[in-house]
C-alpha atoms as a PDB file:
ATOM      1  CA  MET A   1       5.302  36.611 -70.175  1.00  0.00           C
ATOM      2  CA  LYS A   2       8.934  37.927 -68.639  1.00  0.00           C
ATOM      3  CA  ASP A   3      10.756  40.652 -69.911  1.00  0.00           C
ATOM      4  CA  ILE A   4      14.073  40.326 -71.905  1.00  0.00           C
ATOM      5  CA  LYS A   5      17.061  41.918 -70.432  1.00  0.00           C
ATOM      6  CA  TRP A   6      19.328  43.002 -72.833  1.00  0.00           C
ATOM      7  CA  GLY A   7      22.884  43.506 -72.309  1.00  0.00           C
ATOM      8  CA  PHE A   8      24.537  45.842 -75.217  1.00  0.00           C
ATOM      9  CA  ILE A   9      28.651  45.253 -76.035  1.00  0.00           C
ATOM     10  CA  GLY A  10      29.399  48.367 -77.858  1.00  0.00           C
ATOM     11  CA  CYS A  11      26.795  51.669 -77.530  1.00  0.00           C
ATOM     12  CA  GLY A  12      27.732  54.578 -80.039  1.00  0.00           C
ATOM     13  CA  ASN A  13      25.727  57.485 -81.575  1.00  0.00           C
ATOM     14  CA  VAL A  14      23.989  54.816 -84.154  1.00  0.00           C
ATOM     15  CA  VAL A  15      22.860  52.281 -81.171  1.00  0.00           C
ATOM     16  CA  GLU A  16      21.765  55.139 -79.121  1.00  0.00           C
ATOM     17  CA  ASN A  17      19.567  56.808 -82.134  1.00  0.00           C
ATOM     18  CA  LYS A  18      19.121  54.104 -84.406  1.00  0.00           C
ATOM     19  CA  SER A  19      18.646  50.917 -83.220  1.00  0.00           C
ATOM     20  CA  GLY A  20      19.088  50.555 -78.975  1.00  0.00           C
ATOM     21  CA  PRO A  21      15.826  52.304 -78.447  1.00  0.00           C
ATOM     22  CA  ALA A  22      13.480  49.661 -80.061  1.00  0.00           C
ATOM     23  CA  PHE A  23      14.840  47.656 -77.428  1.00  0.00           C
ATOM     24  CA  ASN A  24      12.958  49.391 -74.955  1.00  0.00           C
ATOM     25  CA  THR A  25       9.864  50.293 -77.445  1.00  0.00           C
ATOM     26  CA  THR A  26       9.022  46.639 -78.002  1.00  0.00           C
ATOM     27  CA  GLU A  27       6.994  44.560 -75.714  1.00  0.00           C
ATOM     28  CA  ASN A  28       8.700  42.509 -72.898  1.00  0.00           C
ATOM     29  CA  SER A  29      11.890  43.887 -73.494  1.00  0.00           C
ATOM     30  CA  CYS A  30      14.197  46.457 -72.141  1.00  0.00           C
ATOM     31  CA  VAL A  31      17.903  47.635 -72.167  1.00  0.00           C
ATOM     32  CA  TYR A  32      19.325  46.024 -69.097  1.00  0.00           C
ATOM     33  CA  ALA A  33      23.047  47.016 -68.986  1.00  0.00           C
ATOM     34  CA  VAL A  34      25.274  48.840 -71.642  1.00  0.00           C
ATOM     35  CA  MET A  35      29.057  48.082 -71.916  1.00  0.00           C
ATOM     36  CA  ARG A  36      31.550  50.259 -73.680  1.00  0.00           C
ATOM     37  CA  ARG A  37      35.347  50.298 -72.498  1.00  0.00           C
ATOM     38  CA  ASP A  38      35.245  53.803 -71.482  1.00  0.00           C
ATOM     39  CA  ILE A  39      33.072  54.169 -68.282  1.00  0.00           C
ATOM     40  CA  THR A  40      32.301  57.256 -68.342  1.00  0.00           C
ATOM     41  CA  LYS A  41      30.727  57.211 -71.930  1.00  0.00           C
ATOM     42  CA  ALA A  42      28.905  53.728 -70.710  1.00  0.00           C
ATOM     43  CA  LYS A  43      27.150  55.247 -68.073  1.00  0.00           C
ATOM     44  CA  GLU A  44      26.462  58.005 -70.683  1.00  0.00           C
ATOM     45  CA  SER A  45      24.903  55.302 -72.948  1.00  0.00           C
ATOM     46  CA  ALA A  46      22.955  53.630 -69.657  1.00  0.00           C
ATOM     47  CA  GLU A  47      21.405  56.928 -68.696  1.00  0.00           C
ATOM     48  CA  LYS A  48      20.123  57.709 -72.498  1.00  0.00           C
ATOM     49  CA  LEU A  49      18.647  54.328 -72.750  1.00  0.00           C
ATOM     50  CA  GLY A  50      17.560  53.609 -69.134  1.00  0.00           C
ATOM     51  CA  ALA A  51      19.347  50.722 -68.852  1.00  0.00           C
ATOM     52  CA  LYS A  52      20.050  50.412 -65.052  1.00  0.00           C
ATOM     53  CA  LYS A  53      23.804  48.826 -65.255  1.00  0.00           C
ATOM     54  CA  TYR A  54      27.036  50.010 -67.103  1.00  0.00           C
ATOM     55  CA  TYR A  55      30.532  48.156 -67.559  1.00  0.00           C
ATOM     56  CA  ASP A  56      34.170  48.758 -69.076  1.00  0.00           C
ATOM     57  CA  ASN A  57      34.708  44.874 -70.411  1.00  0.00           C
ATOM     58  CA  VAL A  58      32.818  41.917 -71.726  1.00  0.00           C
ATOM     59  CA  GLU A  59      33.183  39.231 -69.340  1.00  0.00           C
ATOM     60  CA  ASP A  60      31.661  41.601 -66.076  1.00  0.00           C
ATOM     61  CA  LEU A  61      28.489  42.158 -68.225  1.00  0.00           C
ATOM     62  CA  LEU A  62      28.363  38.530 -69.362  1.00  0.00           C
ATOM     63  CA  ALA A  63      28.695  37.495 -65.787  1.00  0.00           C
ATOM     64  CA  ASP A  64      25.385  39.424 -64.793  1.00  0.00           C
ATOM     65  CA  ASP A  65      22.897  36.758 -64.413  1.00  0.00           C
ATOM     66  CA  GLU A  66      19.996  39.290 -64.653  1.00  0.00           C
ATOM     67  CA  ILE A  67      20.796  39.805 -68.151  1.00  0.00           C
ATOM     68  CA  ASP A  68      18.886  37.418 -70.524  1.00  0.00           C
ATOM     69  CA  ALA A  69      20.477  38.388 -74.154  1.00  0.00           C
ATOM     70  CA  VAL A  70      22.990  40.167 -75.609  1.00  0.00           C
ATOM     71  CA  TYR A  71      23.288  42.586 -78.863  1.00  0.00           C
ATOM     72  CA  ILE A  72      26.681  42.973 -80.238  1.00  0.00           C
ATOM     73  CA  ALA A  73      27.112  46.432 -81.704  1.00  0.00           C
ATOM     74  CA  THR A  74      30.916  46.438 -82.307  1.00  0.00           C
ATOM     75  CA  PRO A  75      32.644  46.867 -85.739  1.00  0.00           C
ATOM     76  CA  PRO A  76      33.087  43.551 -87.193  1.00  0.00           C
ATOM     77  CA  GLY A  77      36.630  42.733 -86.453  1.00  0.00           C
ATOM     78  CA  LEU A  78      35.525  42.072 -82.997  1.00  0.00           C
ATOM     79  CA  HIS A  79      32.706  39.887 -83.559  1.00  0.00           C
ATOM     80  CA  LEU A  80      34.128  36.423 -83.278  1.00  0.00           C
ATOM     81  CA  GLU A  81      35.863  37.012 -79.996  1.00  0.00           C
ATOM     82  CA  GLN A  82      33.050  38.576 -78.494  1.00  0.00           C
ATOM     83  CA  ALA A  83      30.766  35.965 -80.099  1.00  0.00           C
ATOM     84  CA  MET A  84      32.656  33.335 -78.683  1.00  0.00           C
ATOM     85  CA  LYS A  85      32.557  34.850 -75.036  1.00  0.00           C
ATOM     86  CA  CYS A  86      28.645  35.173 -75.850  1.00  0.00           C
ATOM     87  CA  CYS A  87      28.476  31.407 -76.333  1.00  0.00           C
ATOM     88  CA  LYS A  88      30.334  30.501 -73.491  1.00  0.00           C
ATOM     89  CA  PHE A  89      28.140  32.296 -70.859  1.00  0.00           C
ATOM     90  CA  LYS A  90      24.833  30.584 -72.986  1.00  0.00           C
ATOM     91  CA  LYS A  91      23.450  34.135 -73.927  1.00  0.00           C
ATOM     92  CA  PRO A  92      21.003  34.192 -77.124  1.00  0.00           C
ATOM     93  CA  THR A  93      23.086  37.253 -79.022  1.00  0.00           C
ATOM     94  CA  TYR A  94      21.299  39.215 -81.510  1.00  0.00           C
ATOM     95  CA  ILE A  95      24.505  40.474 -83.725  1.00  0.00           C
ATOM     96  CA  GLU A  96      24.839  43.578 -86.068  1.00  0.00           C
ATOM     97  CA  LYS A  97      25.875  43.389 -89.683  1.00  0.00           C
ATOM     98  CA  PRO A  98      28.114  42.887 -91.126  1.00  0.00           C
ATOM     99  CA  PHE A  99      27.888  39.161 -89.451  1.00  0.00           C
ATOM    100  CA  ALA A 100      31.790  39.159 -89.498  1.00  0.00           C
ATOM    101  CA  ARG A 101      34.885  40.224 -91.732  1.00  0.00           C
ATOM    102  CA  ASN A 102      34.362  37.547 -93.909  1.00  0.00           C
ATOM    103  CA  TYR A 103      32.594  34.399 -94.350  1.00  0.00           C
ATOM    104  CA  GLU A 104      34.509  31.919 -92.342  1.00  0.00           C
ATOM    105  CA  GLU A 105      34.360  34.101 -89.503  1.00  0.00           C
ATOM    106  CA  ALA A 106      30.469  34.198 -89.915  1.00  0.00           C
ATOM    107  CA  LEU A 107      30.449  30.145 -90.332  1.00  0.00           C
ATOM    108  CA  LYS A 108      32.551  29.670 -87.525  1.00  0.00           C
ATOM    109  CA  ILE A 109      30.637  31.695 -84.940  1.00  0.00           C
ATOM    110  CA  THR A 110      27.335  30.349 -86.959  1.00  0.00           C
ATOM    111  CA  LYS A 111      28.600  26.646 -86.312  1.00  0.00           C
ATOM    112  CA  MET A 112      29.455  27.680 -82.445  1.00  0.00           C
ATOM    113  CA  PHE A 113      26.054  28.615 -81.495  1.00  0.00           C
ATOM    114  CA  GLU A 114      24.077  25.851 -83.320  1.00  0.00           C
ATOM    115  CA  ASP A 115      26.195  23.214 -81.461  1.00  0.00           C
ATOM    116  CA  ALA A 116      25.587  24.777 -78.577  1.00  0.00           C
ATOM    117  CA  LYS A 117      21.989  25.068 -78.955  1.00  0.00           C
ATOM    118  CA  ILE A 118      21.972  28.737 -78.358  1.00  0.00           C
ATOM    119  CA  PRO A 119      19.675  31.236 -80.174  1.00  0.00           C
ATOM    120  CA  LEU A 120      21.990  33.783 -82.780  1.00  0.00           C
ATOM    121  CA  TYR A 121      20.555  36.510 -85.047  1.00  0.00           C
ATOM    122  CA  VAL A 122      21.745  38.809 -87.149  1.00  0.00           C
ATOM    123  CA  ALA A 123      20.696  42.327 -88.046  1.00  0.00           C
ATOM    124  CA  HIS A 124      19.805  41.969 -91.399  1.00  0.00           C
ATOM    125  CA  TYR A 125      16.522  43.723 -90.295  1.00  0.00           C
ATOM    126  CA  ARG A 126      15.667  45.055 -93.526  1.00  0.00           C
ATOM    127  CA  ARG A 127      13.435  41.191 -94.035  1.00  0.00           C
ATOM    128  CA  ALA A 128      11.309  42.216 -90.755  1.00  0.00           C
ATOM    129  CA  LEU A 129      10.321  45.564 -92.954  1.00  0.00           C
ATOM    130  CA  PRO A 130       6.490  45.305 -93.660  1.00  0.00           C
ATOM    131  CA  LYS A 131       7.448  46.973 -97.167  1.00  0.00           C
ATOM    132  CA  PHE A 132      10.116  43.813 -98.171  1.00  0.00           C
ATOM    133  CA  ILE A 133       7.406  41.368 -96.349  1.00  0.00           C
ATOM    134  CA  LYS A 134       4.858  42.854 -98.829  1.00  0.00           C
ATOM    135  CA  ILE A 135       7.113  42.569-102.002  1.00  0.00           C
ATOM    136  CA  LYS A 136       7.769  39.029-101.612  1.00  0.00           C
ATOM    137  CA  GLU A 137       4.134  38.014-101.327  1.00  0.00           C
ATOM    138  CA  ILE A 138       3.498  40.396-104.445  1.00  0.00           C
ATOM    139  CA  LEU A 139       6.578  37.914-106.227  1.00  0.00           C
ATOM    140  CA  GLN A 140       5.154  34.341-104.870  1.00  0.00           C
ATOM    141  CA  SER A 141       1.867  36.004-106.310  1.00  0.00           C
ATOM    142  CA  GLY A 142       2.533  35.610-110.173  1.00  0.00           C
ATOM    143  CA  LYS A 143       1.736  39.117-110.574  1.00  0.00           C
ATOM    144  CA  ILE A 144       4.668  39.824-112.596  1.00  0.00           C
ATOM    145  CA  GLY A 145       4.785  36.164-113.935  1.00  0.00           C
ATOM    146  CA  LYS A 146       7.719  34.280-113.642  1.00  0.00           C
ATOM    147  CA  ILE A 147      10.712  36.133-112.404  1.00  0.00           C
ATOM    148  CA  CYS A 148      13.462  36.117-114.721  1.00  0.00           C
ATOM    149  CA  GLU A 149      15.544  39.168-114.673  1.00  0.00           C
ATOM    150  CA  ALA A 150      17.062  41.884-111.487  1.00  0.00           C
ATOM    151  CA  ASP A 151      18.913  45.010-111.392  1.00  0.00           C
ATOM    152  CA  PHE A 152      20.182  47.061-108.891  1.00  0.00           C
ATOM    153  CA  ARG A 153      22.103  50.199-108.472  1.00  0.00           C
ATOM    154  CA  LEU A 154      23.159  51.615-104.984  1.00  0.00           C
ATOM    155  CA  ASN A 155      25.175  55.338-105.124  1.00  0.00           C
ATOM    156  CA  ARG A 156      26.524  56.663-102.560  1.00  0.00           C
ATOM    157  CA  LYS A 157      28.395  60.501-102.152  1.00  0.00           C
ATOM    158  CA  TYR A 158      32.182  59.629-100.930  1.00  0.00           C
ATOM    159  CA  ASN A 159      32.339  61.320 -97.578  1.00  0.00           C
ATOM    160  CA  TYR A 160      35.844  63.450 -96.998  1.00  0.00           C
ATOM    161  CA  GLU A 161      35.019  63.575 -93.320  1.00  0.00           C
ATOM    162  CA  GLU A 162      34.476  59.945 -92.724  1.00  0.00           C
ATOM    163  CA  ILE A 163      37.774  58.703 -93.812  1.00  0.00           C
ATOM    164  CA  HIS A 164      39.648  60.389 -90.944  1.00  0.00           C
ATOM    165  CA  ASN A 165      36.934  59.582 -88.656  1.00  0.00           C
ATOM    166  CA  THR A 166      35.889  56.190 -88.519  1.00  0.00           C
ATOM    167  CA  TRP A 167      37.018  52.544 -88.256  1.00  0.00           C
ATOM    168  CA  LEU A 168      35.252  51.726 -91.416  1.00  0.00           C
ATOM    169  CA  TYR A 169      38.286  51.964 -93.583  1.00  0.00           C
ATOM    170  CA  ASN A 170      40.635  49.724 -91.396  1.00  0.00           C
ATOM    171  CA  THR A 171      40.198  46.321 -93.070  1.00  0.00           C
ATOM    172  CA  GLU A 172      41.043  44.805 -89.489  1.00  0.00           C
ATOM    173  CA  LEU A 173      37.803  46.401 -88.006  1.00  0.00           C
ATOM    174  CA  SER A 174      35.696  46.778 -90.740  1.00  0.00           C
ATOM    175  CA  GLY A 175      35.956  43.718 -93.237  1.00  0.00           C
ATOM    176  CA  GLY A 176      36.540  45.941 -96.039  1.00  0.00           C
ATOM    177  CA  GLY A 177      35.046  49.457 -97.683  1.00  0.00           C
ATOM    178  CA  LYS A 178      31.878  51.093 -98.074  1.00  0.00           C
ATOM    179  CA  PHE A 179      30.611  48.217 -99.967  1.00  0.00           C
ATOM    180  CA  TYR A 180      31.173  45.445 -97.235  1.00  0.00           C
ATOM    181  CA  ASP A 181      29.667  48.031 -94.720  1.00  0.00           C
ATOM    182  CA  ILE A 182      26.580  48.484 -96.479  1.00  0.00           C
ATOM    183  CA  ALA A 183      25.767  45.586 -99.145  1.00  0.00           C
ATOM    184  CA  PRO A 184      24.928  43.042 -96.298  1.00  0.00           C
ATOM    185  CA  HIS A 185      21.766  44.625 -96.526  1.00  0.00           C
ATOM    186  CA  SER A 186      21.256  44.983-100.215  1.00  0.00           C
ATOM    187  CA  ILE A 187      22.672  41.426-100.829  1.00  0.00           C
ATOM    188  CA  ASP A 188      19.996  39.543 -97.995  1.00  0.00           C
ATOM    189  CA  ILE A 189      17.313  41.261 -99.705  1.00  0.00           C
ATOM    190  CA  MET A 190      18.348  39.923-102.991  1.00  0.00           C
ATOM    191  CA  VAL A 191      18.459  36.499-101.188  1.00  0.00           C
ATOM    192  CA  TYR A 192      15.528  37.064 -99.241  1.00  0.00           C
ATOM    193  CA  LEU A 193      13.584  37.665-102.882  1.00  0.00           C
ATOM    194  CA  LEU A 194      15.145  35.572-105.153  1.00  0.00           C
ATOM    195  CA  GLY A 195      16.847  32.820-103.138  1.00  0.00           C
ATOM    196  CA  ASP A 196      20.477  31.658-102.983  1.00  0.00           C
ATOM    197  CA  PHE A 197      22.799  32.554-105.764  1.00  0.00           C
ATOM    198  CA  THR A 198      24.602  29.765-107.960  1.00  0.00           C
ATOM    199  CA  GLU A 199      26.718  31.638-109.937  1.00  0.00           C
ATOM    200  CA  ILE A 200      28.931  35.324-109.180  1.00  0.00           C
ATOM    201  CA  ASN A 201      30.967  37.276-111.622  1.00  0.00           C
ATOM    202  CA  SER A 202      32.149  40.171-110.261  1.00  0.00           C
ATOM    203  CA  PHE A 203      34.957  43.071-110.305  1.00  0.00           C
ATOM    204  CA  ALA A 204      35.877  45.441-107.407  1.00  0.00           C
ATOM    205  CA  THR A 205      38.359  48.431-107.670  1.00  0.00           C
ATOM    206  CA  ASN A 206      39.694  51.268-105.455  1.00  0.00           C
ATOM    207  CA  ASN A 207      39.738  54.452-107.221  1.00  0.00           C
ATOM    208  CA  ASN A 208      41.282  56.942-104.292  1.00  0.00           C
ATOM    209  CA  GLU A 209      44.514  56.875-103.152  1.00  0.00           C
ATOM    210  CA  GLU A 210      43.118  58.046 -99.326  1.00  0.00           C
ATOM    211  CA  TYR A 211      42.205  54.511 -98.692  1.00  0.00           C
ATOM    212  CA  GLN A 212      42.936  50.946 -99.891  1.00  0.00           C
ATOM    213  CA  VAL A 213      39.441  49.334 -99.419  1.00  0.00           C
ATOM    214  CA  GLU A 214      37.056  48.966-102.668  1.00  0.00           C
ATOM    215  CA  ASP A 215      35.144  51.869-103.660  1.00  0.00           C
ATOM    216  CA  VAL A 216      33.349  50.859-107.218  1.00  0.00           C
ATOM    217  CA  VAL A 217      31.793  46.832-107.558  1.00  0.00           C
ATOM    218  CA  VAL A 218      30.192  45.532-110.029  1.00  0.00           C
ATOM    219  CA  MET A 219      28.518  42.176-110.278  1.00  0.00           C
ATOM    220  CA  SER A 220      26.164  39.642-112.181  1.00  0.00           C
ATOM    221  CA  PHE A 221      24.968  36.536-110.740  1.00  0.00           C
ATOM    222  CA  LYS A 222      22.507  33.554-111.194  1.00  0.00           C
ATOM    223  CA  THR A 223      19.836  31.942-108.201  1.00  0.00           C
ATOM    224  CA  LYS A 224      18.854  28.984-107.832  1.00  0.00           C
ATOM    225  CA  SER A 225      15.658  29.605-109.749  1.00  0.00           C
ATOM    226  CA  GLY A 226      17.172  30.510-112.728  1.00  0.00           C
ATOM    227  CA  VAL A 227      16.756  34.527-111.967  1.00  0.00           C
ATOM    228  CA  ILE A 228      19.804  36.354-113.833  1.00  0.00           C
ATOM    229  CA  GLY A 229      20.631  39.475-112.009  1.00  0.00           C
ATOM    230  CA  THR A 230      23.268  42.567-111.764  1.00  0.00           C
ATOM    231  CA  ALA A 231      24.188  44.785-108.795  1.00  0.00           C
ATOM    232  CA  ASN A 232      26.525  47.894-109.123  1.00  0.00           C
ATOM    233  CA  PHE A 233      27.568  49.656-106.022  1.00  0.00           C
ATOM    234  CA  ASN A 234      29.404  52.945-105.818  1.00  0.00           C
ATOM    235  CA  SER A 235      30.748  54.820-103.175  1.00  0.00           C
ATOM    236  CA  ILE A 236      32.204  57.489-104.791  1.00  0.00           C
ATOM    237  CA  ALA A 237      29.539  58.842-106.849  1.00  0.00           C
ATOM    238  CA  LEU A 238      28.422  62.408-107.399  1.00  0.00           C
ATOM    239  CA  ASP A 239      24.695  61.461-107.176  1.00  0.00           C
ATOM    240  CA  LYS A 240      22.675  59.329-104.851  1.00  0.00           C
ATOM    241  CA  LYS A 241      20.563  56.296-106.341  1.00  0.00           C
ATOM    242  CA  ASP A 242      19.083  53.317-104.969  1.00  0.00           C
ATOM    243  CA  LYS A 243      16.859  51.280-107.313  1.00  0.00           C
ATOM    244  CA  MET A 244      15.709  47.716-107.582  1.00  0.00           C
ATOM    245  CA  ILE A 245      13.911  46.087-110.512  1.00  0.00           C
ATOM    246  CA  ILE A 246      12.857  42.767-110.801  1.00  0.00           C
ATOM    247  CA  TYR A 247      11.377  41.541-113.935  1.00  0.00           C
ATOM    248  CA  GLY A 248       8.490  38.858-114.888  1.00  0.00           C
ATOM    249  CA  THR A 249       7.495  37.405-117.648  1.00  0.00           C
ATOM    250  CA  LYS A 250       4.021  39.265-117.230  1.00  0.00           C
ATOM    251  CA  GLY A 251       5.492  42.642-115.752  1.00  0.00           C
ATOM    252  CA  LYS A 252       8.037  44.488-113.005  1.00  0.00           C
ATOM    253  CA  ILE A 253       8.095  45.680-109.791  1.00  0.00           C
ATOM    254  CA  GLU A 254      10.581  48.854-108.909  1.00  0.00           C
ATOM    255  CA  PHE A 255      11.584  49.811-105.528  1.00  0.00           C
ATOM    256  CA  SER A 256      14.865  51.380-102.892  1.00  0.00           C
ATOM    257  CA  MET A 257      16.446  49.151-101.190  1.00  0.00           C
ATOM    258  CA  HIS A 258      17.527  51.700 -98.497  1.00  0.00           C
ATOM    259  CA  GLY A 259      14.984  54.555 -99.351  1.00  0.00           C
ATOM    260  CA  ASN A 260      11.472  55.151 -98.394  1.00  0.00           C
ATOM    261  CA  ASP A 261      10.169  55.452-101.802  1.00  0.00           C
ATOM    262  CA  GLU A 262       7.024  53.952-103.498  1.00  0.00           C
ATOM    263  CA  ILE A 263       6.728  50.201-104.496  1.00  0.00           C
ATOM    264  CA  ILE A 264       5.872  50.386-108.491  1.00  0.00           C
ATOM    265  CA  ILE A 265       4.266  47.834-109.389  1.00  0.00           C
ATOM    266  CA  GLU A 266       3.736  47.528-114.066  1.00  0.00           C
ATOM    267  CA  THR A 267       1.829  44.729-115.369  1.00  0.00           C
ATOM    268  CA  LEU A 268       0.125  44.656-119.505  1.00  0.00           C
ATOM    269  CA  ASP A 269      -3.008  43.975-117.708  1.00  0.00           C
ATOM    270  CA  ASN A 270      -2.952  46.299-115.012  1.00  0.00           C
ATOM    271  CA  GLY A 271      -0.914  49.256-115.919  1.00  0.00           C
ATOM    272  CA  GLU A 272       0.585  51.073-113.339  1.00  0.00           C
ATOM    273  CA  GLU A 273       0.137  50.342-109.903  1.00  0.00           C
ATOM    274  CA  LYS A 274       1.689  52.366-106.395  1.00  0.00           C
ATOM    275  CA  ILE A 275       2.232  50.949-103.299  1.00  0.00           C
ATOM    276  CA  GLU A 276       3.305  53.180-100.124  1.00  0.00           C
ATOM    277  CA  ILE A 277       4.412  51.893 -97.335  1.00  0.00           C
ATOM    278  CA  ASN A 278       6.726  53.851 -94.887  1.00  0.00           C
ATOM    279  CA  ASN A 279       9.502  52.337 -92.447  1.00  0.00           C
ATOM    280  CA  PRO A 280       8.636  52.693 -89.047  1.00  0.00           C
ATOM    281  CA  LYS A 281      10.662  55.549 -87.339  1.00  0.00           C
ATOM    282  CA  ILE A 282      12.949  53.445 -85.177  1.00  0.00           C
ATOM    283  CA  ILE A 283      14.123  51.557 -88.442  1.00  0.00           C
ATOM    284  CA  GLN A 284      15.285  48.142 -86.578  1.00  0.00           C
ATOM    285  CA  GLU A 285      11.923  47.870 -84.341  1.00  0.00           C
ATOM    286  CA  ASN A 286      10.103  44.985 -86.265  1.00  0.00           C
ATOM    287  CA  MET A 287      12.905  42.969 -86.516  1.00  0.00           C
ATOM    288  CA  ILE A 288      13.691  43.416 -82.824  1.00  0.00           C
ATOM    289  CA  GLU A 289      10.126  42.868 -82.160  1.00  0.00           C
ATOM    290  CA  ASP A 290      10.377  39.547 -83.507  1.00  0.00           C
ATOM    291  CA  VAL A 291      13.522  38.096 -82.117  1.00  0.00           C
ATOM    292  CA  VAL A 292      11.981  38.986 -78.701  1.00  0.00           C
ATOM    293  CA  LYS A 293       8.952  36.970 -79.516  1.00  0.00           C
ATOM    294  CA  SER A 294      11.018  34.576 -80.820  1.00  0.00           C
ATOM    295  CA  LEU A 295      13.083  33.921 -77.792  1.00  0.00           C
ATOM    296  CA  LEU A 296      10.077  33.780 -75.803  1.00  0.00           C
ATOM    297  CA  THR A 297       8.137  31.630 -77.922  1.00  0.00           C
ATOM    298  CA  GLY A 298      10.311  29.841 -80.015  1.00  0.00           C
ATOM    299  CA  GLU A 299       8.677  31.191 -83.239  1.00  0.00           C
ATOM    300  CA  HIS A 300      10.759  32.149 -86.005  1.00  0.00           C
ATOM    301  CA  LEU A 301       8.351  35.054 -87.813  1.00  0.00           C
ATOM    302  CA  HIS A 302      10.571  37.359 -90.209  1.00  0.00           C
ATOM    303  CA  THR A 303      14.070  36.960 -87.740  1.00  0.00           C
ATOM    304  CA  CYS A 304      17.346  36.426 -89.681  1.00  0.00           C
ATOM    305  CA  LEU A 305      19.163  33.345 -88.055  1.00  0.00           C
ATOM    306  CA  ALA A 306      22.566  33.110 -88.709  1.00  0.00           C
ATOM    307  CA  LYS A 307      22.582  30.047 -90.874  1.00  0.00           C
ATOM    308  CA  GLU A 308      19.685  32.242 -93.065  1.00  0.00           C
ATOM    309  CA  ALA A 309      22.763  35.413 -92.885  1.00  0.00           C
ATOM    310  CA  LEU A 310      25.599  33.101 -94.206  1.00  0.00           C
ATOM    311  CA  GLU A 311      24.508  33.342 -98.214  1.00  0.00           C
ATOM    312  CA  THR A 312      24.950  36.877 -97.879  1.00  0.00           C
ATOM    313  CA  TYR A 313      28.724  36.859 -96.882  1.00  0.00           C
ATOM    314  CA  ARG A 314      29.368  33.540 -98.799  1.00  0.00           C
ATOM    315  CA  ILE A 315      28.890  35.840-102.138  1.00  0.00           C
ATOM    316  CA  MET A 316      30.380  38.900-100.561  1.00  0.00           C
ATOM    317  CA  ASP A 317      33.463  36.645-100.198  1.00  0.00           C
ATOM    318  CA  ILE A 318      33.318  35.676-103.754  1.00  0.00           C
ATOM    319  CA  VAL A 319      32.446  39.384-105.187  1.00  0.00           C
ATOM    320  CA  LEU A 320      35.878  40.487-103.112  1.00  0.00           C
ATOM    321  CA  GLU A 321      37.882  37.514-103.643  1.00  0.00           C
ATOM    322  CA  LYS A 322      39.979  38.991-106.557  1.00  0.00           C
ATOM    323  CA  TYR A 323      40.724  42.687-105.211  1.00  0.00           C
ATOM    324  CA  TYR A 324      41.542  41.780-101.766  1.00  0.00           C
ATOM    325  CA  ASN A 325      43.672  38.566-102.988  1.00  0.00           C
ATOM    326  CA  GLY A 326      45.959  41.058-105.050  1.00  0.00           C
ATOM    327  CA  ARG A 327      46.699  42.640-102.348  1.00  0.00           C
ATOM    328  CA  ASN A 328      50.207  42.064-100.293  1.00  0.00           C
ATOM    329  CA  ASP A 329      48.437  41.845 -96.662  1.00  0.00           C
ATOM    330  CA  ASP A 330      48.901  38.972 -94.649  1.00  0.00           C
ATOM    331  CA  PHE A 331      45.391  39.686 -93.394  1.00  0.00           C
ATOM    332  CA  TRP A 332      43.632  39.094 -96.898  1.00  0.00           C
ATOM    333  CA  ASN A 333      46.174  36.409 -97.882  1.00  0.00           C
ATOM    334  CA  ARG A 334      43.464  33.787 -96.819  1.00  0.00           C
ATOM    335  CA  PRO A 335      42.844  31.001 -99.916  1.00  0.00           C
ATOM    336  CA  ASN A 336      40.694  28.755 -97.590  1.00  0.00           C
ATOM    337  CA  SER A 337      38.167  31.608 -97.047  1.00  0.00           C
ATOM    338  CA  TRP A 338      37.221  31.879-100.531  1.00  0.00           C
ATOM    339  CA  ASN A 339      35.751  30.226-103.849  1.00  0.00           C
ATOM    340  CA  LYS A 340      32.476  29.453-101.625  1.00  0.00           C
ATOM    341  CA  GLN A 341      30.607  28.725-105.001  1.00  0.00           C
ATOM    342  CA  LYS A 342      27.697  26.644-104.425  1.00  0.00           C
END
């Protein structure tokens, strides 16, 4: 098989260390070119990742006929425009989460690629981790009986340095606050394990005068299969927590969404059982392997196609509707973007 030669649009520290190396460690894949607005930084990133070429604008990278596929790793506020250009140049694309600033933009990008019949994947890479594949197998096996309830809590400590040194608190670039940045992973796994949501109720608040984005979110939901659940996201907590519990009629299963904790299964018949499945050193490696195989063979595997990612952004739009529609901000005053309940 030929190698998939990747062109990167955006390449900061996270890409250089967390996701980028996986494009080289994956069989039949390599980082071929890097684009950053600063040509000096583009050259430095290219050297770190072993890329042969580097550019300082998107069009030049996309015009390179050697590039087979593109990885968009820029802030969400740039995704729509950059994805449109990738589609125009007929480049299969792997786009970082958050997919876009809102459901409306995500839907527009998805439809554009589907109409052009060009593959588009979203980096909800936890779907490809052996840990979550195993959890889904356990749930489908009936080991804990019929699934009836789910409960999730994610606490993160407030980073006082981050507020002044990142685009995350600029909604034009980020799409929202820390919830919008980290919840795509959590909610996508809920959808992956429990199915699409049919009912959603929520509250989102801001509790810090240093920014205007949401920092505490509480939601309840019901899925198509009848599972009811709650999820709490607190990005200004004093402690750090990450726990998902799924209850069935015969037992329960407990695990972390973002950490490397053991999977704990408890049933009446067998008591407590623990399963340890460590995440790969390069966290996106499994997903990128599956995306490369999908591009080469057409087999879906454990990728997350754009159409599969849409449910997450529909849910997040509904969760944040009251909070952002209550602001006097023209960017968020988009009533047609909301109310995507099924």
